[in-house]
Amino acid sequence: MAKLWLTDRVYSVWEYLIRIAYWVAVIFISSLYLQHYSEQNWFKMGLILGSILSVVVFLGFARILDHLFKPPK
């Protein structure tokens, strides 16, 4: 698990930009959720589930990016 987070791998600029854009989009969608559903009683559970889902999707998305941007041998 440590290799997943603490890696020596160097990513291309495009990979960094795509990853940053993903998290900016997640933050934007979360802020829209906060504005729209903050008065509901199930709001906190939805926020927790949304956060977990965004991390799981990111892990899959990162694997796809690693596959697409892998350096040629």
PDB file of N, CA and C in Angstrom:
ATOM      1  N   MET A   1       0.825  -1.197   0.000  1.00  0.00           N
ATOM      2  CA  MET A   1       0.000   0.000   0.000  1.00  0.00           C
ATOM      3  C   MET A   1       0.866   1.257   0.000  1.00  0.00           C
ATOM      4  N   ALA A   2       2.053   1.156   0.600  1.00  0.00           N
ATOM      5  CA  ALA A   2       2.916   2.330   0.649  1.00  0.00           C
ATOM      6  C   ALA A   2       3.361   2.746  -0.748  1.00  0.00           C
ATOM      7  N   LYS A   3       3.556   1.744  -1.626  1.00  0.00           N
ATOM      8  CA  LYS A   3       3.980   2.081  -2.978  1.00  0.00           C
ATOM      9  C   LYS A   3       2.882   2.841  -3.731  1.00  0.00           C
ATOM     10  N   LEU A   4       1.637   2.609  -3.361  1.00  0.00           N
ATOM     11  CA  LEU A   4       0.541   3.303  -4.023  1.00  0.00           C
ATOM     12  C   LEU A   4       0.640   4.812  -3.803  1.00  0.00           C
ATOM     13  N   TRP A   5       0.983   5.229  -2.603  1.00  0.00           N
ATOM     14  CA  TRP A   5       1.010   6.652  -2.293  1.00  0.00           C
ATOM     15  C   TRP A   5       2.413   7.246  -2.372  1.00  0.00           C
ATOM     16  N   LEU A   6       3.416   6.496  -1.960  1.00  0.00           N
ATOM     17  CA  LEU A   6       4.782   7.008  -1.941  1.00  0.00           C
ATOM     18  C   LEU A   6       5.545   6.367  -3.094  1.00  0.00           C
ATOM     19  N   THR A   7       5.528   6.992  -4.210  1.00  0.00           N
ATOM     20  CA  THR A   7       6.148   6.416  -5.393  1.00  0.00           C
ATOM     21  C   THR A   7       7.276   7.303  -5.901  1.00  0.00           C
ATOM     22  N   ASP A   8       8.225   6.673  -6.543  1.00  0.00           N
ATOM     23  CA  ASP A   8       9.342   7.403  -7.137  1.00  0.00           C
ATOM     24  C   ASP A   8       9.059   7.771  -8.586  1.00  0.00           C
ATOM     25  N   ARG A   9       7.922   7.357  -9.075  1.00  0.00           N
ATOM     26  CA  ARG A   9       7.601   7.545 -10.484  1.00  0.00           C
ATOM     27  C   ARG A   9       7.432   9.020 -10.816  1.00  0.00           C
ATOM     28  N   VAL A  10       7.956   9.406 -11.961  1.00  0.00           N
ATOM     29  CA  VAL A  10       7.813  10.771 -12.451  1.00  0.00           C
ATOM     30  C   VAL A  10       6.697  10.777 -13.480  1.00  0.00           C
ATOM     31  N   TYR A  11       5.735  11.642 -13.300  1.00  0.00           N
ATOM     32  CA  TYR A  11       4.607  11.743 -14.217  1.00  0.00           C
ATOM     33  C   TYR A  11       4.841  12.871 -15.209  1.00  0.00           C
ATOM     34  N   SER A  12       4.189  12.772 -16.351  1.00  0.00           N
ATOM     35  CA  SER A  12       4.286  13.844 -17.337  1.00  0.00           C
ATOM     36  C   SER A  12       3.442  15.034 -16.875  1.00  0.00           C
ATOM     37  N   VAL A  13       3.674  16.157 -17.490  1.00  0.00           N
ATOM     38  CA  VAL A  13       2.929  17.369 -17.133  1.00  0.00           C
ATOM     39  C   VAL A  13       1.442  17.165 -17.386  1.00  0.00           C
ATOM     40  N   TRP A  14       1.110  16.492 -18.482  1.00  0.00           N
ATOM     41  CA  TRP A  14      -0.307  16.267 -18.797  1.00  0.00           C
ATOM     42  C   TRP A  14      -0.982  15.393 -17.755  1.00  0.00           C
ATOM     43  N   GLU A  15      -0.266  14.398 -17.250  1.00  0.00           N
ATOM     44  CA  GLU A  15      -0.846  13.558 -16.207  1.00  0.00           C
ATOM     45  C   GLU A  15      -1.122  14.366 -14.946  1.00  0.00           C
ATOM     46  N   TYR A  16      -0.183  15.217 -14.578  1.00  0.00           N
ATOM     47  CA  TYR A  16      -0.408  16.079 -13.416  1.00  0.00           C
ATOM     48  C   TYR A  16      -1.608  16.996 -13.638  1.00  0.00           C
ATOM     49  N   LEU A  17      -1.684  17.601 -14.808  1.00  0.00           N
ATOM     50  CA  LEU A  17      -2.794  18.518 -15.085  1.00  0.00           C
ATOM     51  C   LEU A  17      -4.141  17.803 -15.084  1.00  0.00           C
ATOM     52  N   ILE A  18      -4.185  16.601 -15.643  1.00  0.00           N
ATOM     53  CA  ILE A  18      -5.446  15.848 -15.659  1.00  0.00           C
ATOM     54  C   ILE A  18      -5.855  15.461 -14.249  1.00  0.00           C
ATOM     55  N   ARG A  19      -4.894  15.040 -13.435  1.00  0.00           N
ATOM     56  CA  ARG A  19      -5.210  14.677 -12.043  1.00  0.00           C
ATOM     57  C   ARG A  19      -5.688  15.895 -11.249  1.00  0.00           C
ATOM     58  N   ILE A  20      -5.036  17.024 -11.434  1.00  0.00           N
ATOM     59  CA  ILE A  20      -5.456  18.247 -10.745  1.00  0.00           C
ATOM     60  C   ILE A  20      -6.842  18.673 -11.213  1.00  0.00           C
ATOM     61  N   ALA A  21      -7.092  18.580 -12.518  1.00  0.00           N
ATOM     62  CA  ALA A  21      -8.413  18.937 -13.050  1.00  0.00           C
ATOM     63  C   ALA A  21      -9.492  18.028 -12.478  1.00  0.00           C
ATOM     64  N   TYR A  22      -9.185  16.746 -12.294  1.00  0.00           N
ATOM     65  CA  TYR A  22     -10.164  15.824 -11.697  1.00  0.00           C
ATOM     66  C   TYR A  22     -10.543  16.295 -10.294  1.00  0.00           C
ATOM     67  N   TRP A  23      -9.550  16.608  -9.468  1.00  0.00           N
ATOM     68  CA  TRP A  23      -9.858  17.011  -8.094  1.00  0.00           C
ATOM     69  C   TRP A  23     -10.542  18.375  -8.028  1.00  0.00           C
ATOM     70  N   VAL A  24     -10.212  19.265  -8.940  1.00  0.00           N
ATOM     71  CA  VAL A  24     -10.925  20.552  -8.991  1.00  0.00           C
ATOM     72  C   VAL A  24     -12.397  20.317  -9.339  1.00  0.00           C
ATOM     73  N   ALA A  25     -12.657  19.397 -10.281  1.00  0.00           N
ATOM     74  CA  ALA A  25     -14.043  19.070 -10.643  1.00  0.00           C
ATOM     75  C   ALA A  25     -14.772  18.420  -9.467  1.00  0.00           C
ATOM     76  N   VAL A  26     -14.096  17.551  -8.729  1.00  0.00           N
ATOM     77  CA  VAL A  26     -14.718  16.916  -7.561  1.00  0.00           C
ATOM     78  C   VAL A  26     -15.062  17.967  -6.507  1.00  0.00           C
ATOM     79  N   ILE A  27     -14.168  18.898  -6.274  1.00  0.00           N
ATOM     80  CA  ILE A  27     -14.434  19.959  -5.296  1.00  0.00           C
ATOM     81  C   ILE A  27     -15.598  20.832  -5.752  1.00  0.00           C
ATOM     82  N   PHE A  28     -15.658  21.127  -7.046  1.00  0.00           N
ATOM     83  CA  PHE A  28     -16.763  21.933  -7.578  1.00  0.00           C
ATOM     84  C   PHE A  28     -18.098  21.208  -7.405  1.00  0.00           C
ATOM     85  N   ILE A  29     -18.137  19.922  -7.741  1.00  0.00           N
ATOM     86  CA  ILE A  29     -19.377  19.151  -7.598  1.00  0.00           C
ATOM     87  C   ILE A  29     -19.767  19.043  -6.122  1.00  0.00           C
ATOM     88  N   SER A  30     -18.784  18.876  -5.243  1.00  0.00           N
ATOM     89  CA  SER A  30     -19.076  18.817  -3.807  1.00  0.00           C
ATOM     90  C   SER A  30     -19.647  20.134  -3.297  1.00  0.00           C
ATOM     91  N   SER A  31     -19.137  21.245  -3.816  1.00  0.00           N
ATOM     92  CA  SER A  31     -19.675  22.537  -3.373  1.00  0.00           C
ATOM     93  C   SER A  31     -21.105  22.731  -3.869  1.00  0.00           C
ATOM     94  N   LEU A  32     -21.393  22.244  -5.075  1.00  0.00           N
ATOM     95  CA  LEU A  32     -22.781  22.302  -5.551  1.00  0.00           C
ATOM     96  C   LEU A  32     -23.689  21.441  -4.675  1.00  0.00           C
ATOM     97  N   TYR A  33     -23.207  20.270  -4.286  1.00  0.00           N
ATOM     98  CA  TYR A  33     -23.956  19.390  -3.390  1.00  0.00           C
ATOM     99  C   TYR A  33     -24.210  20.084  -2.051  1.00  0.00           C
ATOM    100  N   LEU A  34     -23.165  20.738  -1.527  1.00  0.00           N
ATOM    101  CA  LEU A  34     -23.301  21.452  -0.252  1.00  0.00           C
ATOM    102  C   LEU A  34     -24.372  22.539  -0.337  1.00  0.00           C
ATOM    103  N   GLN A  35     -24.377  23.286  -1.421  1.00  0.00           N
ATOM    104  CA  GLN A  35     -25.340  24.372  -1.569  1.00  0.00           C
ATOM    105  C   GLN A  35     -26.762  23.853  -1.716  1.00  0.00           C
ATOM    106  N   HIS A  36     -26.925  22.769  -2.412  1.00  0.00           N
ATOM    107  CA  HIS A  36     -28.273  22.312  -2.746  1.00  0.00           C
ATOM    108  C   HIS A  36     -28.912  21.461  -1.652  1.00  0.00           C
ATOM    109  N   TYR A  37     -28.132  20.616  -0.983  1.00  0.00           N
ATOM    110  CA  TYR A  37     -28.706  19.642  -0.052  1.00  0.00           C
ATOM    111  C   TYR A  37     -28.340  19.867   1.406  1.00  0.00           C
ATOM    112  N   SER A  38     -27.799  20.986   1.773  1.00  0.00           N
ATOM    113  CA  SER A  38     -27.345  21.191   3.154  1.00  0.00           C
ATOM    114  C   SER A  38     -28.485  21.183   4.175  1.00  0.00           C
ATOM    115  N   GLU A  39     -29.703  21.405   3.760  1.00  0.00           N
ATOM    116  CA  GLU A  39     -30.841  21.425   4.688  1.00  0.00           C
ATOM    117  C   GLU A  39     -31.452  20.041   4.914  1.00  0.00           C
ATOM    118  N   GLN A  40     -31.065  19.059   4.138  1.00  0.00           N
ATOM    119  CA  GLN A  40     -31.649  17.716   4.260  1.00  0.00           C
ATOM    120  C   GLN A  40     -31.032  16.971   5.441  1.00  0.00           C
ATOM    121  N   ASN A  41     -31.785  16.028   6.002  1.00  0.00           N
ATOM    122  CA  ASN A  41     -31.273  15.283   7.152  1.00  0.00           C
ATOM    123  C   ASN A  41     -30.282  14.191   6.736  1.00  0.00           C
ATOM    124  N   TRP A  42     -30.259  13.763   5.495  1.00  0.00           N
ATOM    125  CA  TRP A  42     -29.341  12.745   5.006  1.00  0.00           C
ATOM    126  C   TRP A  42     -28.105  13.357   4.354  1.00  0.00           C
ATOM    127  N   PHE A  43     -27.928  14.644   4.518  1.00  0.00           N
ATOM    128  CA  PHE A  43     -26.855  15.385   3.868  1.00  0.00           C
ATOM    129  C   PHE A  43     -25.459  14.857   4.198  1.00  0.00           C
ATOM    130  N   LYS A  44     -25.189  14.600   5.483  1.00  0.00           N
ATOM    131  CA  LYS A  44     -23.844  14.165   5.886  1.00  0.00           C
ATOM    132  C   LYS A  44     -23.501  12.789   5.313  1.00  0.00           C
ATOM    133  N   MET A  45     -24.466  11.880   5.314  1.00  0.00           N
ATOM    134  CA  MET A  45     -24.218  10.549   4.765  1.00  0.00           C
ATOM    135  C   MET A  45     -23.930  10.634   3.269  1.00  0.00           C
ATOM    136  N   GLY A  46     -24.656  11.479   2.567  1.00  0.00           N
ATOM    137  CA  GLY A  46     -24.399  11.662   1.139  1.00  0.00           C
ATOM    138  C   GLY A  46     -23.033  12.254   0.882  1.00  0.00           C
ATOM    139  N   LEU A  47     -22.611  13.165   1.730  1.00  0.00           N
ATOM    140  CA  LEU A  47     -21.285  13.771   1.583  1.00  0.00           C
ATOM    141  C   LEU A  47     -20.173  12.748   1.828  1.00  0.00           C
ATOM    142  N   ILE A  48     -20.367  11.898   2.830  1.00  0.00           N
ATOM    143  CA  ILE A  48     -19.388  10.846   3.112  1.00  0.00           C
ATOM    144  C   ILE A  48     -19.317   9.859   1.951  1.00  0.00           C
ATOM    145  N   LEU A  49     -20.465   9.402   1.468  1.00  0.00           N
ATOM    146  CA  LEU A  49     -20.490   8.452   0.358  1.00  0.00           C
ATOM    147  C   LEU A  49     -19.913   9.063  -0.919  1.00  0.00           C
ATOM    148  N   GLY A  50     -20.207  10.323  -1.158  1.00  0.00           N
ATOM    149  CA  GLY A  50     -19.654  11.009  -2.320  1.00  0.00           C
ATOM    150  C   GLY A  50     -18.144  11.125  -2.247  1.00  0.00           C
ATOM    151  N   SER A  51     -17.630  11.377  -1.052  1.00  0.00           N
ATOM    152  CA  SER A  51     -16.176  11.474  -0.870  1.00  0.00           C
ATOM    153  C   SER A  51     -15.497  10.132  -1.111  1.00  0.00           C
ATOM    154  N   ILE A  52     -16.075   9.084  -0.551  1.00  0.00           N
ATOM    155  CA  ILE A  52     -15.511   7.745  -0.755  1.00  0.00           C
ATOM    156  C   ILE A  52     -15.570   7.364  -2.228  1.00  0.00           C
ATOM    157  N   LEU A  53     -16.688   7.640  -2.869  1.00  0.00           N
ATOM    158  CA  LEU A  53     -16.834   7.315  -4.285  1.00  0.00           C
ATOM    159  C   LEU A  53     -15.837   8.079  -5.145  1.00  0.00           C
ATOM    160  N   SER A  54     -15.605   9.337  -4.821  1.00  0.00           N
ATOM    161  CA  SER A  54     -14.658  10.121  -5.625  1.00  0.00           C
ATOM    162  C   SER A  54     -13.238   9.589  -5.485  1.00  0.00           C
ATOM    163  N   VAL A  55     -12.861   9.094  -4.304  1.00  0.00           N
ATOM    164  CA  VAL A  55     -11.526   8.514  -4.124  1.00  0.00           C
ATOM    165  C   VAL A  55     -11.407   7.199  -4.882  1.00  0.00           C
ATOM    166  N   VAL A  56     -12.431   6.349  -4.805  1.00  0.00           N
ATOM    167  CA  VAL A  56     -12.403   5.069  -5.519  1.00  0.00           C
ATOM    168  C   VAL A  56     -12.340   5.301  -7.024  1.00  0.00           C
ATOM    169  N   VAL A  57     -13.134   6.236  -7.528  1.00  0.00           N
ATOM    170  CA  VAL A  57     -13.098   6.542  -8.960  1.00  0.00           C
ATOM    171  C   VAL A  57     -11.735   7.087  -9.349  1.00  0.00           C
ATOM    172  N   PHE A  58     -11.147   7.912  -8.493  1.00  0.00           N
ATOM    173  CA  PHE A  58      -9.829   8.452  -8.801  1.00  0.00           C
ATOM    174  C   PHE A  58      -8.778   7.352  -8.893  1.00  0.00           C
ATOM    175  N   LEU A  59      -8.840   6.363  -8.017  1.00  0.00           N
ATOM    176  CA  LEU A  59      -7.859   5.279  -8.068  1.00  0.00           C
ATOM    177  C   LEU A  59      -7.961   4.517  -9.383  1.00  0.00           C
ATOM    178  N   GLY A  60      -9.183   4.260  -9.845  1.00  0.00           N
ATOM    179  CA  GLY A  60      -9.359   3.625 -11.145  1.00  0.00           C
ATOM    180  C   GLY A  60      -8.914   4.526 -12.277  1.00  0.00           C
ATOM    181  N   PHE A  61      -9.247   5.787 -12.175  1.00  0.00           N
ATOM    182  CA  PHE A  61      -8.864   6.772 -13.186  1.00  0.00           C
ATOM    183  C   PHE A  61      -7.341   6.903 -13.263  1.00  0.00           C
ATOM    184  N   ALA A  62      -6.671   6.863 -12.118  1.00  0.00           N
ATOM    185  CA  ALA A  62      -5.212   6.959 -12.097  1.00  0.00           C
ATOM    186  C   ALA A  62      -4.579   5.744 -12.764  1.00  0.00           C
ATOM    187  N   ARG A  63      -5.176   4.565 -12.572  1.00  0.00           N
ATOM    188  CA  ARG A  63      -4.644   3.370 -13.245  1.00  0.00           C
ATOM    189  C   ARG A  63      -4.786   3.486 -14.754  1.00  0.00           C
ATOM    190  N   ILE A  64      -5.908   4.038 -15.203  1.00  0.00           N
ATOM    191  CA  ILE A  64      -6.094   4.242 -16.647  1.00  0.00           C
ATOM    192  C   ILE A  64      -5.076   5.247 -17.172  1.00  0.00           C
ATOM    193  N   LEU A  65      -4.858   6.332 -16.435  1.00  0.00           N
ATOM    194  CA  LEU A  65      -3.862   7.320 -16.846  1.00  0.00           C
ATOM    195  C   LEU A  65      -2.462   6.714 -16.898  1.00  0.00           C
ATOM    196  N   ASP A  66      -2.139   5.905 -15.905  1.00  0.00           N
ATOM    197  CA  ASP A  66      -0.823   5.257 -15.906  1.00  0.00           C
ATOM    198  C   ASP A  66      -0.659   4.357 -17.123  1.00  0.00           C
ATOM    199  N   HIS A  67      -1.733   3.702 -17.515  1.00  0.00           N
ATOM    200  CA  HIS A  67      -1.669   2.830 -18.693  1.00  0.00           C
ATOM    201  C   HIS A  67      -1.544   3.645 -19.983  1.00  0.00           C
ATOM    202  N   LEU A  68      -2.270   4.734 -20.080  1.00  0.00           N
ATOM    203  CA  LEU A  68      -2.255   5.539 -21.293  1.00  0.00           C
ATOM    204  C   LEU A  68      -0.955   6.311 -21.478  1.00  0.00           C
ATOM    205  N   PHE A  69      -0.380   6.783 -20.386  1.00  0.00           N
ATOM    206  CA  PHE A  69       0.813   7.613 -20.458  1.00  0.00           C
ATOM    207  C   PHE A  69       2.099   6.857 -20.134  1.00  0.00           C
ATOM    208  N   LYS A  70       2.069   5.539 -20.194  1.00  0.00           N
ATOM    209  CA  LYS A  70       3.293   4.821 -19.842  1.00  0.00           C
ATOM    210  C   LYS A  70       4.370   5.063 -20.883  1.00  0.00           C
ATOM    211  N   PRO A  71       5.594   5.225 -20.429  1.00  0.00           N
ATOM    212  CA  PRO A  71       6.682   5.542 -21.369  1.00  0.00           C
ATOM    213  C   PRO A  71       6.961   4.358 -22.287  1.00  0.00           C
ATOM    214  N   PRO A  72       7.362   4.623 -23.511  1.00  0.00           N
ATOM    215  CA  PRO A  72       7.672   3.515 -24.433  1.00  0.00           C
ATOM    216  C   PRO A  72       8.932   2.790 -23.984  1.00  0.00           C
ATOM    217  N   LYS A  73       8.957   1.502 -24.292  1.00  0.00           N
ATOM    218  CA  LYS A  73      10.124   0.688 -23.877  1.00  0.00           C
ATOM    219  C   LYS A  73      11.224   0.737 -24.907  1.00  0.00           C
TER     220      LYS A  73
END
